[in-house]
Amino acid sequence: MMAQFLILMFALDKIYFTPLGKFMDERDATIKEKLSSVKDTSGEVKQLEEQAAAIMKAARVEIAAALNKMQKETQAEVEQMLEEGRKKVEAELAEALANLERQKLETIKSLDAQA
């Protein structure tokens, strides 16, 4: 009975447990390899995230510069338009004052002529 048990154990070891152990070892090695590749990829992802952050920062700086430029240009245009409006109003005012002065002189002449 003992001999049969030993033969059974030897047979099971050679037929079943050795291939199963080999399969488990190979599977463990594959899993470890995949885990290490994922860790390597996470460093790559981190680098890509840093690059994306740098690109976003540069874009924000560029947009801010463009906005400042546009604001200065708009401010210059507004000031130019205000200056033109101011000159137009001053010209109209000068013309109106000249008309009033002329009317005043005409009124004085007509009053002097009546008196």
Protein backbone atom coordinates (compact mmCIF):
# COMPACT_ATOMS: atom_id res chain seq x y z
CA MET A 1 0.00 0.00 0.00
CA MET A 2 2.82 2.35 0.82
CA ALA A 3 4.53 1.59 -2.46
CA GLN A 4 1.34 2.37 -4.37
CA PHE A 5 1.00 5.66 -2.55
CA LEU A 6 4.62 6.60 -3.37
CA ILE A 7 4.13 5.64 -7.02
CA LEU A 8 0.94 7.74 -7.12
CA MET A 9 2.75 10.70 -5.56
CA PHE A 10 5.65 10.37 -8.02
CA ALA A 11 3.25 10.09 -10.98
CA LEU A 12 1.18 13.07 -9.86
CA ASP A 13 4.33 15.11 -9.33
CA LYS A 14 5.65 14.37 -12.83
CA ILE A 15 2.33 14.47 -14.66
CA TYR A 16 0.34 17.14 -12.83
CA PHE A 17 2.29 19.28 -10.35
CA THR A 18 5.45 19.96 -12.40
CA PRO A 19 3.59 21.29 -15.49
CA LEU A 20 1.20 23.22 -13.23
CA GLY A 21 4.11 24.75 -11.32
CA LYS A 22 5.82 25.66 -14.58
CA PHE A 23 2.61 27.25 -15.87
CA MET A 24 2.18 29.22 -12.62
CA ASP A 25 5.81 30.44 -12.75
CA GLU A 26 5.41 31.58 -16.37
CA ARG A 27 2.14 33.31 -15.53
CA ASP A 28 3.75 35.06 -12.54
CA ALA A 29 6.65 36.23 -14.73
CA THR A 30 4.20 37.57 -17.35
CA ILE A 31 2.21 39.46 -14.72
CA LYS A 32 5.39 40.97 -13.25
CA GLU A 33 6.52 42.01 -16.73
CA LYS A 34 3.19 43.68 -17.46
CA LEU A 35 3.25 45.48 -14.12
CA SER A 36 6.72 46.83 -14.76
CA SER A 37 5.67 47.97 -18.24
CA VAL A 38 2.68 49.79 -16.69
CA LYS A 39 5.01 51.50 -14.22
CA ASP A 40 7.26 52.53 -17.13
CA THR A 41 4.24 53.87 -19.00
CA SER A 42 3.10 55.87 -15.98
CA GLY A 43 6.38 57.79 -16.12
CA GLU A 44 5.73 58.47 -19.78
CA VAL A 45 2.21 59.64 -18.95
CA LYS A 46 3.57 61.93 -16.27
CA GLN A 47 6.04 63.40 -18.77
CA LEU A 48 3.22 63.95 -21.28
CA GLU A 49 1.12 65.65 -18.59
CA GLU A 50 4.03 67.96 -17.80
CA GLN A 51 4.42 68.77 -21.49
CA ALA A 52 0.70 69.48 -21.76
CA ALA A 53 0.88 71.77 -18.72
CA ALA A 54 3.84 73.61 -20.25
CA ILE A 55 1.97 74.02 -23.54
CA MET A 56 -1.11 75.32 -21.70
CA LYS A 57 1.02 77.78 -19.74
CA ALA A 58 2.67 79.03 -22.93
CA ALA A 59 -0.74 79.35 -24.59
CA ARG A 60 -2.06 81.36 -21.65
CA VAL A 61 0.94 83.68 -21.83
CA GLU A 62 0.46 84.07 -25.58
CA ILE A 63 -3.24 84.77 -25.17
CA ALA A 64 -2.57 87.30 -22.43
CA ALA A 65 -0.03 89.06 -24.66
CA ALA A 66 -2.49 89.09 -27.56
CA LEU A 67 -5.23 90.47 -25.32
CA ASN A 68 -2.92 93.19 -24.03
CA LYS A 69 -1.95 94.10 -27.58
CA MET A 70 -5.58 94.21 -28.69
CA GLN A 71 -6.50 96.28 -25.64
CA LYS A 72 -3.74 98.80 -26.39
CA GLU A 73 -4.78 98.99 -30.04
CA THR A 74 -8.42 99.44 -29.06
CA GLN A 75 -7.47 102.09 -26.51
CA ALA A 76 -5.46 103.94 -29.17
CA GLU A 77 -8.39 103.77 -31.60
CA VAL A 78 -10.81 105.02 -28.94
CA GLU A 79 -8.49 107.88 -28.04
CA GLN A 80 -8.13 108.75 -31.72
CA MET A 81 -11.90 108.71 -32.19
CA LEU A 82 -12.38 110.83 -29.07
CA GLU A 83 -9.79 113.31 -30.33
CA GLU A 84 -11.50 113.50 -33.72
CA GLY A 85 -14.87 113.99 -32.01
CA ARG A 86 -13.40 116.64 -29.75
CA LYS A 87 -11.93 118.50 -32.76
CA LYS A 88 -15.24 118.26 -34.60
CA VAL A 89 -17.15 119.61 -31.60
CA GLU A 90 -14.59 122.39 -31.13
CA ALA A 91 -14.87 123.30 -34.83
CA GLU A 92 -18.67 123.33 -34.64
CA LEU A 93 -18.50 125.39 -31.46
CA ALA A 94 -16.09 127.86 -33.06
CA GLU A 95 -18.39 128.11 -36.08
CA ALA A 96 -21.42 128.62 -33.86
CA LEU A 97 -19.58 131.29 -31.86
CA ALA A 98 -18.54 133.00 -35.09
CA ASN A 99 -22.17 132.90 -36.30
CA LEU A 100 -23.34 134.35 -32.98
CA GLU A 101 -20.71 137.07 -33.15
CA ARG A 102 -21.73 137.88 -36.72
CA GLN A 103 -25.40 137.95 -35.75
CA LYS A 104 -24.54 140.17 -32.79
CA LEU A 105 -22.73 142.60 -35.05
CA GLU A 106 -25.60 142.54 -37.57
CA THR A 107 -28.10 143.17 -34.76
CA ILE A 108 -26.01 146.06 -33.42
CA LYS A 109 -25.74 147.54 -36.94
CA SER A 110 -29.46 147.23 -37.50
CA LEU A 111 -30.16 148.84 -34.13
CA ASP A 112 -27.74 151.65 -34.89
CA ALA A 113 -29.39 152.12 -38.27
CA GLN A 114 -32.83 152.39 -36.63
CA ALA A 115 -31.72 154.87 -34.07
